[in-house]
Amino acid sequence: MGLELVYEEGQTPLSEEEKDGLLIKSIGTHEELNEHEQLNIEEAMKWVLRKKRRKDQILTEAFIKTLHKKMFGNVWNWAGEFRKSEKNIGVKWLNIGVELKIL
């Protein structure tokens, strides 16, 4: 029988797959990841609120990718790009661009 580790919420280590793409290699737990992402997201919110934008400027692929880069660009190397694999959220990854245009 192997050693069974019990982690408190946030202390759960990131899997190797989850670490792939991290720019900050010292991040080791979900709690640390959440902290770094939150700092990045706060800076992105400041950027969004600095300039008044029309709806037709916000609902564009360029704006969405720029916002995503600002939200996660200091943490993940894939920030600002549409995902290229299936996840359990949103639409199928191949349909992201199309669904954004429909929106």
N, C-alpha and C. Protein backbone atom coordinates (compact mmCIF):
# COMPACT_ATOMS: atom_id res chain seq x y z
N MET A 1 0.85 -1.18 0.00
CA MET A 1 0.00 0.00 0.00
C MET A 1 0.90 1.24 0.00
N GLY A 2 0.60 2.20 -0.90
CA GLY A 2 1.42 3.40 -1.03
C GLY A 2 1.04 4.47 -0.03
N LEU A 3 1.89 5.46 0.07
CA LEU A 3 1.66 6.59 0.95
C LEU A 3 0.55 7.45 0.35
N GLU A 4 -0.45 7.76 1.15
CA GLU A 4 -1.57 8.57 0.68
C GLU A 4 -1.48 9.94 1.34
N LEU A 5 -1.15 10.96 0.53
CA LEU A 5 -1.02 12.31 1.05
C LEU A 5 -2.36 13.02 1.02
N VAL A 6 -2.63 13.82 2.04
CA VAL A 6 -3.85 14.60 2.12
C VAL A 6 -3.45 16.07 2.11
N TYR A 7 -4.04 16.83 1.20
CA TYR A 7 -3.72 18.24 1.07
C TYR A 7 -4.93 19.08 1.44
N GLU A 8 -4.67 20.22 2.06
CA GLU A 8 -5.72 21.20 2.30
C GLU A 8 -6.04 21.86 0.97
N GLU A 9 -7.20 22.50 0.87
CA GLU A 9 -7.58 23.20 -0.35
C GLU A 9 -6.51 24.22 -0.70
N GLY A 10 -6.10 24.25 -1.96
CA GLY A 10 -5.09 25.18 -2.42
C GLY A 10 -3.69 24.62 -2.34
N GLN A 11 -3.47 23.64 -1.48
CA GLN A 11 -2.14 23.05 -1.35
C GLN A 11 -1.91 21.94 -2.36
N THR A 12 -2.94 21.54 -3.06
CA THR A 12 -2.82 20.44 -4.01
C THR A 12 -1.75 20.77 -5.04
N PRO A 13 -0.77 19.88 -5.19
CA PRO A 13 0.28 20.14 -6.18
C PRO A 13 -0.27 20.14 -7.59
N LEU A 14 0.35 20.92 -8.46
CA LEU A 14 -0.02 20.91 -9.87
C LEU A 14 0.56 19.66 -10.51
N SER A 15 -0.19 19.07 -11.42
CA SER A 15 0.31 17.92 -12.16
C SER A 15 1.34 18.42 -13.19
N GLU A 16 2.11 17.50 -13.72
CA GLU A 16 3.10 17.87 -14.74
C GLU A 16 2.41 18.47 -15.96
N GLU A 17 1.24 17.94 -16.32
CA GLU A 17 0.49 18.49 -17.44
C GLU A 17 0.06 19.93 -17.15
N GLU A 18 -0.37 20.20 -15.92
CA GLU A 18 -0.78 21.55 -15.55
C GLU A 18 0.40 22.51 -15.55
N LYS A 19 1.58 22.03 -15.23
CA LYS A 19 2.78 22.88 -15.19
C LYS A 19 3.28 23.25 -16.58
N ASP A 20 2.90 22.45 -17.57
CA ASP A 20 3.33 22.73 -18.94
C ASP A 20 2.77 24.07 -19.37
N GLY A 21 3.61 24.96 -19.77
CA GLY A 21 3.17 26.28 -20.19
C GLY A 21 3.33 27.35 -19.13
N LEU A 22 3.68 26.97 -17.91
CA LEU A 22 3.89 27.97 -16.86
C LEU A 22 5.17 28.75 -17.12
N LEU A 23 5.10 30.06 -17.00
CA LEU A 23 6.29 30.90 -17.13
C LEU A 23 7.05 31.00 -15.82
N ILE A 24 6.35 30.83 -14.71
CA ILE A 24 6.97 30.93 -13.38
C ILE A 24 7.14 29.50 -12.87
N LYS A 25 8.33 28.97 -13.02
CA LYS A 25 8.57 27.55 -12.73
C LYS A 25 8.52 27.24 -11.23
N SER A 26 8.57 28.27 -10.37
CA SER A 26 8.52 28.02 -8.93
C SER A 26 7.10 27.77 -8.42
N ILE A 27 6.08 28.02 -9.25
CA ILE A 27 4.70 27.74 -8.85
C ILE A 27 4.54 26.23 -8.74
N GLY A 28 4.09 25.77 -7.58
CA GLY A 28 3.96 24.34 -7.37
C GLY A 28 2.60 23.88 -6.92
N THR A 29 1.75 24.82 -6.43
CA THR A 29 0.42 24.43 -5.95
C THR A 29 -0.65 25.28 -6.63
N HIS A 30 -1.88 24.81 -6.53
CA HIS A 30 -3.00 25.57 -7.08
C HIS A 30 -3.14 26.92 -6.38
N GLU A 31 -2.87 26.97 -5.10
CA GLU A 31 -2.97 28.22 -4.36
C GLU A 31 -1.97 29.25 -4.91
N GLU A 32 -0.73 28.83 -5.14
CA GLU A 32 0.27 29.74 -5.70
C GLU A 32 -0.13 30.19 -7.10
N LEU A 33 -0.64 29.26 -7.90
CA LEU A 33 -1.11 29.60 -9.24
C LEU A 33 -2.23 30.62 -9.17
N ASN A 34 -3.20 30.39 -8.29
CA ASN A 34 -4.33 31.32 -8.15
C ASN A 34 -3.86 32.72 -7.76
N GLU A 35 -2.88 32.80 -6.88
CA GLU A 35 -2.36 34.11 -6.45
C GLU A 35 -1.72 34.85 -7.62
N HIS A 36 -0.90 34.16 -8.40
CA HIS A 36 -0.24 34.81 -9.54
C HIS A 36 -1.26 35.21 -10.60
N GLU A 37 -2.21 34.34 -10.87
CA GLU A 37 -3.24 34.68 -11.85
C GLU A 37 -4.07 35.86 -11.38
N GLN A 38 -4.41 35.91 -10.10
CA GLN A 38 -5.22 37.01 -9.58
C GLN A 38 -4.51 38.35 -9.74
N LEU A 39 -3.21 38.39 -9.47
CA LEU A 39 -2.45 39.64 -9.66
C LEU A 39 -2.50 40.08 -11.10
N ASN A 40 -2.33 39.14 -12.02
CA ASN A 40 -2.38 39.44 -13.44
C ASN A 40 -3.77 39.93 -13.86
N ILE A 41 -4.81 39.29 -13.35
CA ILE A 41 -6.19 39.67 -13.69
C ILE A 41 -6.51 41.07 -13.18
N GLU A 42 -6.02 41.41 -12.01
CA GLU A 42 -6.24 42.75 -11.46
C GLU A 42 -5.62 43.82 -12.36
N GLU A 43 -4.43 43.55 -12.88
CA GLU A 43 -3.78 44.49 -13.81
C GLU A 43 -4.58 44.60 -15.10
N ALA A 44 -5.10 43.49 -15.59
CA ALA A 44 -5.91 43.50 -16.80
C ALA A 44 -7.18 44.32 -16.60
N MET A 45 -7.80 44.20 -15.43
CA MET A 45 -9.01 44.98 -15.15
C MET A 45 -8.71 46.47 -15.16
N LYS A 46 -7.58 46.87 -14.62
CA LYS A 46 -7.17 48.29 -14.66
C LYS A 46 -7.04 48.74 -16.11
N TRP A 47 -6.45 47.90 -16.94
CA TRP A 47 -6.27 48.23 -18.36
C TRP A 47 -7.62 48.40 -19.03
N VAL A 48 -8.57 47.49 -18.77
CA VAL A 48 -9.89 47.56 -19.38
C VAL A 48 -10.61 48.84 -18.97
N LEU A 49 -10.51 49.21 -17.72
CA LEU A 49 -11.26 50.35 -17.20
C LEU A 49 -10.64 51.70 -17.55
N ARG A 50 -9.39 51.71 -18.00
CA ARG A 50 -8.72 52.97 -18.35
C ARG A 50 -9.33 53.67 -19.55
N LYS A 51 -9.88 52.92 -20.46
CA LYS A 51 -10.38 53.49 -21.71
C LYS A 51 -11.80 53.02 -21.97
N LYS A 52 -12.65 53.94 -22.28
CA LYS A 52 -14.04 53.58 -22.63
C LYS A 52 -14.04 52.99 -24.04
N ARG A 53 -14.66 51.84 -24.16
CA ARG A 53 -14.70 51.15 -25.45
C ARG A 53 -16.14 50.87 -25.85
N ARG A 54 -16.39 50.91 -27.16
CA ARG A 54 -17.70 50.57 -27.68
C ARG A 54 -17.83 49.06 -27.77
N LYS A 55 -19.07 48.57 -27.80
CA LYS A 55 -19.33 47.13 -27.88
C LYS A 55 -18.64 46.52 -29.10
N ASP A 56 -18.67 47.23 -30.23
CA ASP A 56 -18.07 46.66 -31.44
C ASP A 56 -16.55 46.58 -31.34
N GLN A 57 -15.95 47.26 -30.37
CA GLN A 57 -14.51 47.15 -30.15
C GLN A 57 -14.20 45.99 -29.20
N ILE A 58 -15.11 45.72 -28.28
CA ILE A 58 -14.87 44.71 -27.25
C ILE A 58 -15.11 43.30 -27.78
N LEU A 59 -16.15 43.12 -28.56
CA LEU A 59 -16.50 41.78 -29.04
C LEU A 59 -15.77 41.46 -30.35
N THR A 60 -14.45 41.62 -30.33
CA THR A 60 -13.64 41.26 -31.48
C THR A 60 -12.61 40.22 -31.05
N GLU A 61 -12.16 39.44 -32.00
CA GLU A 61 -11.15 38.44 -31.69
C GLU A 61 -9.87 39.11 -31.18
N ALA A 62 -9.49 40.22 -31.79
CA ALA A 62 -8.26 40.91 -31.38
C ALA A 62 -8.35 41.39 -29.93
N PHE A 63 -9.48 42.00 -29.56
CA PHE A 63 -9.64 42.49 -28.19
C PHE A 63 -9.64 41.34 -27.19
N ILE A 64 -10.39 40.27 -27.49
CA ILE A 64 -10.48 39.13 -26.58
C ILE A 64 -9.10 38.52 -26.37
N LYS A 65 -8.33 38.36 -27.42
CA LYS A 65 -6.98 37.78 -27.30
C LYS A 65 -6.06 38.72 -26.51
N THR A 66 -6.18 40.02 -26.74
CA THR A 66 -5.35 40.97 -26.00
C THR A 66 -5.71 40.95 -24.52
N LEU A 67 -7.00 40.93 -24.22
CA LEU A 67 -7.43 40.87 -22.82
C LEU A 67 -6.93 39.58 -22.16
N HIS A 68 -7.07 38.47 -22.84
CA HIS A 68 -6.60 37.19 -22.31
C HIS A 68 -5.10 37.23 -22.04
N LYS A 69 -4.34 37.84 -22.95
CA LYS A 69 -2.89 37.99 -22.77
C LYS A 69 -2.59 38.84 -21.54
N LYS A 70 -3.35 39.91 -21.36
CA LYS A 70 -3.14 40.76 -20.19
C LYS A 70 -3.54 40.06 -18.90
N MET A 71 -4.54 39.19 -18.97
CA MET A 71 -5.01 38.48 -17.77
C MET A 71 -4.07 37.36 -17.34
N PHE A 72 -3.39 36.72 -18.29
CA PHE A 72 -2.61 35.54 -17.97
C PHE A 72 -1.18 35.56 -18.52
N GLY A 73 -0.78 36.65 -19.17
CA GLY A 73 0.51 36.71 -19.86
C GLY A 73 1.74 36.65 -18.99
N ASN A 74 1.63 36.98 -17.71
CA ASN A 74 2.79 36.88 -16.83
C ASN A 74 2.90 35.50 -16.19
N VAL A 75 1.91 34.65 -16.45
CA VAL A 75 1.86 33.34 -15.81
C VAL A 75 1.99 32.19 -16.83
N TRP A 76 1.30 32.30 -17.96
CA TRP A 76 1.23 31.21 -18.94
C TRP A 76 1.79 31.62 -20.29
N ASN A 77 2.53 30.72 -20.94
CA ASN A 77 3.07 31.06 -22.26
C ASN A 77 2.02 31.01 -23.36
N TRP A 78 0.86 30.40 -23.11
CA TRP A 78 -0.21 30.33 -24.11
C TRP A 78 -1.22 31.47 -23.99
N ALA A 79 -0.97 32.40 -23.11
CA ALA A 79 -1.92 33.51 -22.91
C ALA A 79 -2.08 34.30 -24.20
N GLY A 80 -3.31 34.65 -24.50
CA GLY A 80 -3.61 35.43 -25.69
C GLY A 80 -3.92 34.59 -26.91
N GLU A 81 -3.95 33.29 -26.74
CA GLU A 81 -4.25 32.38 -27.83
C GLU A 81 -5.46 31.53 -27.47
N PHE A 82 -6.21 31.13 -28.49
CA PHE A 82 -7.30 30.19 -28.24
C PHE A 82 -6.71 28.84 -27.89
N ARG A 83 -7.37 28.11 -27.02
CA ARG A 83 -6.86 26.80 -26.64
C ARG A 83 -6.88 25.85 -27.83
N LYS A 84 -6.03 24.87 -27.75
CA LYS A 84 -5.88 23.92 -28.84
C LYS A 84 -6.15 22.49 -28.38
N SER A 85 -6.90 22.38 -27.29
CA SER A 85 -7.29 21.05 -26.81
C SER A 85 -8.66 21.17 -26.15
N GLU A 86 -9.31 20.04 -26.01
CA GLU A 86 -10.65 20.01 -25.44
C GLU A 86 -10.59 20.16 -23.92
N LYS A 87 -11.42 21.00 -23.37
CA LYS A 87 -11.55 21.19 -21.92
C LYS A 87 -13.02 20.98 -21.57
N ASN A 88 -13.33 20.99 -20.29
CA ASN A 88 -14.71 20.74 -19.88
C ASN A 88 -15.51 22.04 -19.74
N ILE A 89 -15.00 23.14 -20.29
CA ILE A 89 -15.72 24.42 -20.22
C ILE A 89 -15.91 24.97 -21.63
N GLY A 90 -16.93 25.77 -21.80
CA GLY A 90 -17.13 26.48 -23.05
C GLY A 90 -17.48 25.59 -24.22
N VAL A 91 -17.04 26.01 -25.39
CA VAL A 91 -17.34 25.31 -26.63
C VAL A 91 -16.14 24.46 -27.05
N LYS A 92 -16.34 23.60 -28.03
CA LYS A 92 -15.23 22.80 -28.56
C LYS A 92 -14.14 23.76 -29.05
N TRP A 93 -12.90 23.39 -28.84
CA TRP A 93 -11.79 24.29 -29.13
C TRP A 93 -11.75 24.70 -30.60
N LEU A 94 -12.18 23.84 -31.50
CA LEU A 94 -12.18 24.19 -32.93
C LEU A 94 -13.23 25.25 -33.27
N ASN A 95 -14.22 25.44 -32.40
CA ASN A 95 -15.32 26.36 -32.68
C ASN A 95 -15.18 27.72 -31.99
N ILE A 96 -14.12 27.93 -31.24
CA ILE A 96 -14.01 29.16 -30.45
C ILE A 96 -14.10 30.41 -31.32
N GLY A 97 -13.32 30.50 -32.38
CA GLY A 97 -13.34 31.67 -33.26
C GLY A 97 -14.70 31.90 -33.89
N VAL A 98 -15.32 30.85 -34.35
CA VAL A 98 -16.65 30.94 -34.96
C VAL A 98 -17.69 31.41 -33.95
N GLU A 99 -17.67 30.80 -32.76
CA GLU A 99 -18.65 31.18 -31.73
C GLU A 99 -18.45 32.62 -31.28
N LEU A 100 -17.23 33.08 -31.24
CA LEU A 100 -16.96 34.48 -30.89
C LEU A 100 -17.57 35.42 -31.93
N LYS A 101 -17.42 35.07 -33.20
CA LYS A 101 -18.01 35.89 -34.26
C LYS A 101 -19.53 35.91 -34.17
N ILE A 102 -20.12 34.75 -33.82
CA ILE A 102 -21.58 34.68 -33.64
C ILE A 102 -22.02 35.57 -32.49
N LEU A 103 -21.23 35.56 -31.41
CA LEU A 103 -21.54 36.40 -30.25
C LEU A 103 -21.59 37.86 -30.63
